[in-house]
Protein backbone atom coordinates (compact mmCIF):
# COMPACT_ATOMS: atom_id res chain seq x y z
CA UNK A 1 156.58 71.35 96.51
CA UNK A 2 158.42 71.77 93.43
CA UNK A 3 155.88 73.65 90.95
CA UNK A 4 157.36 72.37 87.97
CA UNK A 5 156.98 68.63 88.86
CA UNK A 6 153.86 68.61 90.92
CA UNK A 7 151.02 66.69 89.74
CA UNK A 8 147.63 67.06 91.15
CA UNK A 9 145.79 63.58 90.56
CA UNK A 10 142.41 65.37 91.41
CA UNK A 11 142.79 68.06 88.73
CA UNK A 12 144.39 65.62 86.29
CA UNK A 13 141.14 63.21 86.77
CA UNK A 14 138.47 66.17 86.36
CA UNK A 15 140.25 67.47 83.40
CA UNK A 16 140.43 63.93 81.66
CA UNK A 17 136.68 63.44 82.29
CA UNK A 18 135.75 66.53 80.77
CA UNK A 19 138.27 66.16 77.92
CA UNK A 20 136.89 62.82 77.04
CA UNK A 21 133.28 64.20 77.18
CA UNK A 22 134.22 66.67 74.95
CA UNK A 23 135.86 64.14 72.44
CA UNK A 24 139.28 65.88 72.82
CA UNK A 25 140.96 63.08 74.47
CA UNK A 26 140.52 59.20 73.37
CA UNK A 27 139.55 57.00 76.16
CA UNK A 28 142.72 54.80 75.76
CA UNK A 29 144.99 57.76 76.06
CA UNK A 30 142.88 58.84 79.10
CA UNK A 31 143.73 55.72 80.85
CA UNK A 32 147.22 55.69 80.28
CA UNK A 33 147.40 59.22 81.62
CA UNK A 34 145.45 58.31 84.72
CA UNK A 35 148.04 55.15 84.92
CA UNK A 36 151.06 57.28 85.16
CA UNK A 37 149.48 59.85 87.20
CA UNK A 38 148.73 56.82 89.78
CA UNK A 39 152.28 55.57 89.50
CA UNK A 40 153.78 59.30 90.08
CA UNK A 41 151.93 60.04 92.99
CA UNK A 42 152.53 56.59 94.69
CA UNK A 43 154.14 57.33 98.24
CA UNK A 44 157.39 55.33 99.04
CA UNK A 45 156.96 53.50 102.55
CA UNK A 46 154.21 55.37 103.85
CA UNK A 47 155.72 58.82 103.18
CA UNK A 48 154.33 61.74 100.98
CA UNK A 49 154.28 61.24 97.17
CA UNK A 50 157.53 62.57 95.63
CA UNK A 51 157.06 63.75 91.87
CA UNK A 52 160.67 63.48 91.10
CA UNK A 53 160.97 59.96 92.88
CA UNK A 54 161.66 57.56 94.23
CA UNK A 55 158.43 55.80 93.56
CA UNK A 56 156.82 52.91 95.28
CA UNK A 57 155.21 50.03 93.18
CA UNK A 58 151.64 49.48 92.42
CA UNK A 59 149.94 46.36 91.83
CA UNK A 60 148.37 45.48 88.52
CA UNK A 61 145.41 44.47 90.67
CA UNK A 62 145.24 47.73 92.44
CA UNK A 63 145.78 49.70 89.01
CA UNK A 64 143.14 47.70 87.55
CA UNK A 65 140.68 48.39 90.22
CA UNK A 66 141.42 52.34 90.43
CA UNK A 67 141.17 52.48 86.44
CA UNK A 68 138.33 49.84 85.86
CA UNK A 69 140.44 47.56 83.61
CA UNK A 70 141.62 44.10 83.78
CA UNK A 71 145.13 43.17 84.71
CA UNK A 72 145.86 42.22 80.96
CA UNK A 73 144.72 45.62 79.68
CA UNK A 74 147.14 47.43 82.29
CA UNK A 75 149.95 45.34 81.18
CA UNK A 76 149.00 46.60 77.51
CA UNK A 77 148.93 50.29 78.51
CA UNK A 78 152.45 49.73 80.63
CA UNK A 79 153.82 48.31 77.23
CA UNK A 80 152.50 51.34 75.14
CA UNK A 81 153.91 53.61 77.84
CA UNK A 82 157.32 51.73 77.48
CA UNK A 83 157.28 52.21 73.81
CA UNK A 84 157.03 56.01 74.56
CA UNK A 85 160.13 56.12 76.47
CA UNK A 86 158.54 55.62 80.24
CA UNK A 87 160.93 53.81 82.39
CA UNK A 88 158.93 51.32 83.95
CA UNK A 89 159.75 48.25 85.93
CA UNK A 90 157.15 45.43 86.22
CA UNK A 91 157.56 42.37 88.48
CA UNK A 92 155.25 39.45 89.56
CA UNK A 93 154.03 39.81 92.91
CA UNK A 94 155.25 43.42 93.26
CA UNK A 95 153.73 45.30 90.32
CA UNK A 96 154.61 48.14 88.22
CA UNK A 97 156.94 51.06 89.46
CA UNK A 98 158.37 54.27 87.70
CA UNK A 99 162.12 54.02 87.80
CA UNK A 100 162.58 57.82 87.15
CA UNK A 101 160.51 60.98 86.32
CA UNK A 102 158.83 61.42 82.98
CA UNK A 103 159.05 64.92 82.99
CA UNK A 104 161.57 65.11 79.94
CA UNK A 105 159.11 63.32 77.51
CA UNK A 106 156.58 65.27 75.36
CA UNK A 107 154.33 62.40 74.52
CA UNK A 108 150.69 63.26 75.36
CA UNK A 109 150.90 60.77 78.34
CA UNK A 110 153.84 62.80 79.84
CA UNK A 111 152.43 66.25 78.60
CA UNK A 112 148.68 65.95 80.03
CA UNK A 113 149.40 65.43 83.67
CA UNK A 114 151.12 68.58 83.87
CA UNK A 115 148.82 70.53 81.67
CA UNK A 116 145.68 69.39 83.47
CA UNK A 117 147.51 70.11 86.71
CA UNK A 118 148.10 73.71 85.89
CA UNK A 119 144.52 73.89 84.82
CA UNK A 120 143.23 72.67 88.10
CA UNK A 121 145.54 75.12 90.15
CA UNK A 122 143.62 78.28 88.83
CA UNK A 123 144.86 78.29 85.13
CA UNK A 124 141.84 77.07 83.46
CA UNK A 125 140.61 78.27 80.27
CA UNK A 126 136.85 78.34 79.03
CA UNK A 127 136.38 77.03 75.68
CA UNK A 128 139.18 75.84 73.65
CA UNK A 129 142.74 75.68 75.05
CA UNK A 130 146.11 74.81 73.31
CA UNK A 131 147.22 71.37 74.13
CA UNK A 132 143.72 69.51 73.57
CA UNK A 133 143.83 67.56 71.58
CA UNK A 134 147.45 66.69 71.66
CA UNK A 135 149.19 64.57 68.99
CA UNK A 136 152.68 63.21 69.59
CA UNK A 137 154.75 62.03 66.60
CA UNK A 138 158.31 60.64 67.73
CA UNK A 139 159.68 62.43 64.56
CA UNK A 140 158.19 63.82 61.44
CA UNK A 141 159.12 66.31 58.56
CA UNK A 142 157.54 69.20 60.18
CA UNK A 143 154.71 69.50 62.96
CA UNK A 144 153.12 72.25 60.94
CA UNK A 145 152.78 69.85 57.88
CA UNK A 146 151.34 66.98 60.14
CA UNK A 147 148.86 69.55 61.47
CA UNK A 148 147.94 70.91 57.81
CA UNK A 149 147.18 67.07 57.13
CA UNK A 150 145.03 66.77 59.88
CA UNK A 151 143.16 69.64 58.79
CA UNK A 152 142.81 68.46 55.15
CA UNK A 153 141.30 64.98 56.63
CA UNK A 154 139.14 66.09 59.39
CA UNK A 155 137.92 69.17 61.18
CA UNK A 156 139.99 69.45 64.36
CA UNK A 157 139.25 71.73 66.87
CA UNK A 158 140.97 75.20 67.68
CA UNK A 159 143.89 74.13 70.41
CA UNK A 160 144.80 70.98 68.38
CA UNK A 161 148.38 70.47 68.94
CA UNK A 162 151.02 68.52 67.42
CA UNK A 163 154.48 67.89 69.22
CA UNK A 164 157.55 66.00 68.30
CA UNK A 165 160.85 65.00 69.32
CA UNK A 166 162.48 65.48 65.91
CA UNK A 167 161.79 67.39 62.62
CA UNK A 168 163.83 66.24 59.70
CA UNK A 169 162.65 69.32 57.53
CA UNK A 170 161.67 71.97 60.12
CA UNK A 171 161.58 75.47 58.69
CA UNK A 172 161.79 79.01 60.01
CA UNK A 173 160.54 82.29 58.88
CA UNK A 174 161.38 83.33 55.22
CA UNK A 175 162.15 79.41 54.36
CA UNK A 176 165.14 79.38 56.80
CA UNK A 177 166.84 76.40 58.21
CA UNK A 178 165.32 75.14 61.65
CA UNK A 179 167.44 72.31 62.91
CA UNK A 180 167.05 70.19 66.06
CA UNK A 181 169.15 67.35 67.88
CA UNK A 182 166.37 65.17 68.73
CA UNK A 183 164.70 64.46 72.07
CA UNK A 184 166.55 67.76 73.58
CA UNK A 185 164.20 70.81 72.71
CA UNK A 186 160.63 71.77 72.26
CA UNK A 187 159.02 71.74 68.84
CA UNK A 188 155.01 72.00 68.44
CA UNK A 189 152.41 73.56 66.50
CA UNK A 190 149.04 74.66 67.54
CA UNK A 191 146.00 75.12 65.39
CA UNK A 192 144.05 78.36 65.83
CA UNK A 193 140.51 79.24 64.62
CA UNK A 194 140.47 83.20 65.46
CA UNK A 195 137.70 85.75 65.03
CA UNK A 196 140.18 87.90 63.42
CA UNK A 197 140.27 89.47 59.92
CA UNK A 198 142.90 88.25 57.59
CA UNK A 199 144.98 91.87 57.85
CA UNK A 200 145.21 91.00 61.83
CA UNK A 201 146.76 87.58 61.25
CA UNK A 202 150.28 88.65 62.32
CA UNK A 203 148.94 89.72 65.90
CA UNK A 204 148.90 85.80 66.37
CA UNK A 205 152.53 85.61 65.89
CA UNK A 206 153.11 88.66 68.06
CA UNK A 207 150.98 87.45 70.97
CA UNK A 208 152.62 84.08 70.73
CA UNK A 209 156.13 85.54 71.17
CA UNK A 210 155.07 87.60 74.27
CA UNK A 211 153.57 84.40 75.83
CA UNK A 212 156.84 82.51 75.33
CA UNK A 213 158.74 85.76 76.96
CA UNK A 214 156.33 86.04 79.92
CA UNK A 215 156.69 82.07 80.60
CA UNK A 216 160.12 82.42 80.55
CA UNK A 217 160.17 85.30 82.95
CA UNK A 218 158.17 83.18 85.15
CA UNK A 219 160.60 79.85 85.46
CA UNK A 220 160.98 80.43 89.40
CA UNK A 221 157.13 79.73 89.43
CA UNK A 222 157.85 76.33 87.98
CA UNK A 223 160.75 75.94 90.42
CA UNK A 224 163.32 76.68 88.02
CA UNK A 225 166.11 79.38 88.47
CA UNK A 226 165.39 82.90 87.14
CA UNK A 227 167.08 84.01 84.07
CA UNK A 228 169.71 86.53 84.74
CA UNK A 229 169.66 88.34 81.65
CA UNK A 230 166.43 90.22 80.18
CA UNK A 231 163.93 88.46 78.05
CA UNK A 232 163.08 90.72 74.71
CA UNK A 233 160.87 90.19 71.57
CA UNK A 234 162.43 91.25 68.64
CA UNK A 235 159.81 92.10 65.86
CA UNK A 236 157.93 90.24 64.76
CA UNK A 237 158.67 87.31 66.72
CA UNK A 238 161.98 86.21 67.76
CA UNK A 239 162.34 85.73 71.54
CA UNK A 240 165.75 86.69 72.83
CA UNK A 241 167.59 86.34 75.98
CA UNK A 242 170.62 88.44 76.80
CA UNK A 243 170.42 89.03 72.85
CA UNK A 244 170.54 85.57 71.53
CA UNK A 245 167.70 83.71 70.07
CA UNK A 246 166.00 81.09 72.15
CA UNK A 247 162.70 80.85 70.38
CA UNK A 248 161.34 81.20 66.71
CA UNK A 249 157.85 81.20 65.56
CA UNK A 250 156.37 80.53 62.05
CA UNK A 251 152.74 81.27 61.45
CA UNK A 252 150.89 79.90 58.30
CA UNK A 253 146.99 79.95 57.56
CA UNK A 254 144.24 79.81 55.17
CA UNK A 255 142.10 83.09 54.33
CA UNK A 256 139.87 84.77 51.95
CA UNK A 257 138.98 88.27 51.43
CA UNK A 258 137.44 89.12 54.74
CA UNK A 259 137.98 85.87 56.82
CA UNK A 260 141.02 84.02 58.30
CA UNK A 261 139.71 80.34 58.16
CA UNK A 262 142.51 79.04 60.29
CA UNK A 263 146.04 79.69 61.33
CA UNK A 264 148.74 77.29 62.40
CA UNK A 265 151.53 78.57 64.84
CA UNK A 266 154.67 76.35 64.71
CA UNK A 267 157.11 77.29 67.64
CA UNK A 268 160.48 75.90 68.28
CA UNK A 269 162.53 76.57 71.50
CA UNK A 270 165.94 75.79 72.35
CA UNK A 271 165.84 73.70 75.50
CA UNK A 272 168.72 71.22 76.25
CA UNK A 273 170.53 71.10 72.85
CA UNK A 274 174.07 72.31 71.95
CA UNK A 275 173.81 75.50 70.32
CA UNK A 276 177.31 75.69 69.19
CA UNK A 277 176.57 72.65 66.98
CA UNK A 278 173.08 74.31 65.81
CA UNK A 279 174.84 77.46 64.84
CA UNK A 280 177.60 75.33 62.71
CA UNK A 281 174.62 73.46 61.07
CA UNK A 282 172.87 76.74 60.12
CA UNK A 283 176.08 78.34 58.71
CA UNK A 284 176.71 75.07 56.64
CA UNK A 285 173.17 74.43 55.51
CA UNK A 286 171.56 77.89 55.21
CA UNK A 287 172.66 79.91 52.19
CA UNK A 288 172.61 82.94 54.21
CA UNK A 289 174.10 81.51 57.23
CA UNK A 290 173.48 83.41 60.35
CA UNK A 291 174.21 86.95 58.60
CA UNK A 292 173.46 89.48 61.14
CA UNK A 293 170.56 87.46 63.05
CA UNK A 294 170.96 86.70 66.45
CA UNK A 295 173.27 83.44 67.51
CA UNK A 296 171.03 80.78 69.22
CA UNK A 297 171.06 79.96 72.93
CA UNK A 298 169.48 77.22 74.88
CA UNK A 299 167.84 77.26 78.25
CA UNK A 300 170.36 74.74 79.50
CA UNK A 301 173.04 77.09 78.90
CA UNK A 302 171.31 80.23 80.59
CA UNK A 303 170.14 78.01 83.55
CA UNK A 304 173.27 75.80 84.20
CA UNK A 305 171.57 72.60 83.79
CA UNK A 306 169.03 70.31 82.13
CA UNK A 307 165.37 71.77 81.84
CA UNK A 308 162.54 69.10 82.03
CA UNK A 309 160.38 69.70 78.64
CA UNK A 310 156.93 68.39 79.77
CA UNK A 311 156.31 70.87 82.44
CA UNK A 312 157.84 73.67 80.50
CA UNK A 313 155.55 72.80 77.64
CA UNK A 314 152.55 72.79 79.69
CA UNK A 315 153.23 76.39 81.11
CA UNK A 316 153.87 77.55 77.49
CA UNK A 317 150.67 76.10 76.19
CA UNK A 318 148.56 77.64 78.97
CA UNK A 319 150.33 81.19 78.56
CA UNK A 320 149.95 80.92 74.76
CA UNK A 321 146.16 80.16 75.38
CA UNK A 322 145.68 83.30 77.37
CA UNK A 323 147.59 85.61 75.07
CA UNK A 324 145.72 84.14 71.81
CA UNK A 325 142.27 84.84 73.74
CA UNK A 326 143.21 88.19 74.72
CA UNK A 327 143.11 89.13 70.74
CA UNK A 328 139.49 88.74 70.99
CA UNK A 329 138.36 90.28 74.14
CA UNK A 330 137.98 94.00 74.62
CA UNK A 331 140.93 95.62 75.64
CA UNK A 332 143.30 92.63 75.12
CA UNK A 333 145.20 93.76 72.12
CA UNK A 334 146.11 97.06 74.22
CA UNK A 335 147.60 94.50 76.90
CA UNK A 336 149.53 92.29 74.06
CA UNK A 337 151.21 95.56 72.49
CA UNK A 338 152.02 97.08 76.14
CA UNK A 339 153.87 93.91 76.95
CA UNK A 340 155.58 93.74 73.40
CA UNK A 341 156.64 97.45 73.81
CA UNK A 342 158.21 96.66 77.17
CA UNK A 343 160.35 93.98 75.71
CA UNK A 344 161.05 95.57 72.45
CA UNK A 345 165.01 95.74 71.79
CA UNK A 346 164.80 97.53 68.71
CA UNK A 347 163.53 100.93 70.17
CA UNK A 348 165.95 103.78 69.94
CA UNK A 349 168.30 101.47 67.95
CA UNK A 350 169.71 101.86 64.08
CA UNK A 351 167.80 99.10 62.16
CA UNK A 352 167.54 97.93 58.66
CA UNK A 353 164.51 96.19 57.07
CA UNK A 354 164.52 93.58 54.28
CA UNK A 355 161.79 92.27 52.27
CA UNK A 356 161.05 88.69 51.77
CA UNK A 357 162.72 88.74 48.42
CA UNK A 358 166.26 89.72 49.12
CA UNK A 359 168.33 90.66 52.03
CA UNK A 360 171.30 92.12 49.75
CA UNK A 361 169.59 95.57 49.99
CA UNK A 362 167.51 97.00 52.76
CA UNK A 363 164.12 98.19 52.00
CA UNK A 364 164.05 100.48 54.84
CA UNK A 365 166.62 101.84 57.32
CA UNK A 366 166.42 104.26 60.08
CA UNK A 367 165.96 104.06 63.91
CA UNK A 368 163.48 101.63 65.78
CA UNK A 369 160.28 103.90 67.13
CA UNK A 370 158.39 101.08 68.61
CA UNK A 371 155.35 99.09 67.88
CA UNK A 372 152.44 100.81 66.32
CA UNK A 373 148.60 100.23 67.31
CA UNK A 374 148.15 97.54 64.73
CA UNK A 375 151.18 95.53 66.08
CA UNK A 376 153.42 97.10 63.05
CA UNK A 377 156.92 97.98 63.81
CA UNK A 378 157.66 101.71 63.28
CA UNK A 379 160.90 103.01 61.82
CA UNK A 380 162.06 106.79 61.99
CA UNK A 381 163.95 107.48 58.79
CA UNK A 382 167.16 109.49 58.31
CA UNK A 383 164.83 112.27 57.15
CA UNK A 384 162.61 112.17 60.23
CA UNK A 385 159.41 110.61 58.89
CA UNK A 386 158.00 107.67 60.85
CA UNK A 387 157.29 104.58 58.45
CA UNK A 388 155.12 101.45 59.51
CA UNK A 389 156.38 98.19 58.45
CA UNK A 390 153.84 95.24 58.42
CA UNK A 391 155.89 92.40 57.22
CA UNK A 392 159.44 91.93 56.54
CA UNK A 393 162.85 90.81 58.48
CA UNK A 394 164.57 93.36 60.48
CA UNK A 395 168.05 93.53 61.85
CA UNK A 396 170.12 96.04 64.00
CA UNK A 397 172.30 97.90 61.44
CA UNK A 398 175.86 97.42 61.79
CA UNK A 399 178.03 100.71 62.11
């Protein structure tokens, strides 16, 4: 069965019970997840369940009995699901039926069946996990900003995730423009509470980039075609496919002298959007334009067709959780650094490093000499010295 669309009803139920008990999912959301899981696993005419359709109708009475709800409550949840974009048909005497898959929606009700199914297939994580709790916004100014607001008003746990279909004020590193086309890409932020010193905060961004790269290299495991070009991680956190940028990461945090209180990793991934239009928007709105930076590319261009976002996001969140937890276990940092070194497109190539203040004059030029033991970029200068770079923007030097 297609790994990308397969939903394991037993795993979803087990995950929901645990998450509700831990206060990570509110009961109403849990019931809506159960409802869509029941509908998507309903076999047609006595045949096997088909996650990509067609789907059979399930009566309101049957749904109410399985969920412990009244028919009126079932209808209320169905109405809420429609408001989130689920294509549902309801008819008296017949029941409720999904008209098409919900795999391209990114609301929690669409994401959690995939996320919890993956947990049940051997990807379970002890303790916190990215994606729980999950807060969906149809649109917002910035997922990082929404998550910072949640922190100010409450004490959300590590793993808390905000996902949206559209950002009106998305930003990248160094305050650069980040634009989306609404309902086509993945934009989400995850709250972390790592046991790391402030000087190690950059490792969270590096580990995130590696996790994204590893997920992209494993697309066949999700039932998608394999990428035909290599996946690289350009220090510190740009994920490139064939030299073009598919993903960017923005890390923010709060720290004092010896403690990193929290960090937020904002991740934007080009999935189904028109990157020619995206590049034109960046050139028009960003004072620097694209400059010497890699041009954007979307997975749809690379794979030759649309990519369902919900199961893809679930896969990213699982891998992100694993790689972030690696940073706190013995030997984990070594594993992360080895993964980055294998995907380093700067090694042995002429580079220039710019500080945050200006891109008019390079702070350092030389040749990429790899990734150091603390995650720093190593640059071999024209004089033969190897210089560590802990922060900044790096580009391949033009002849």
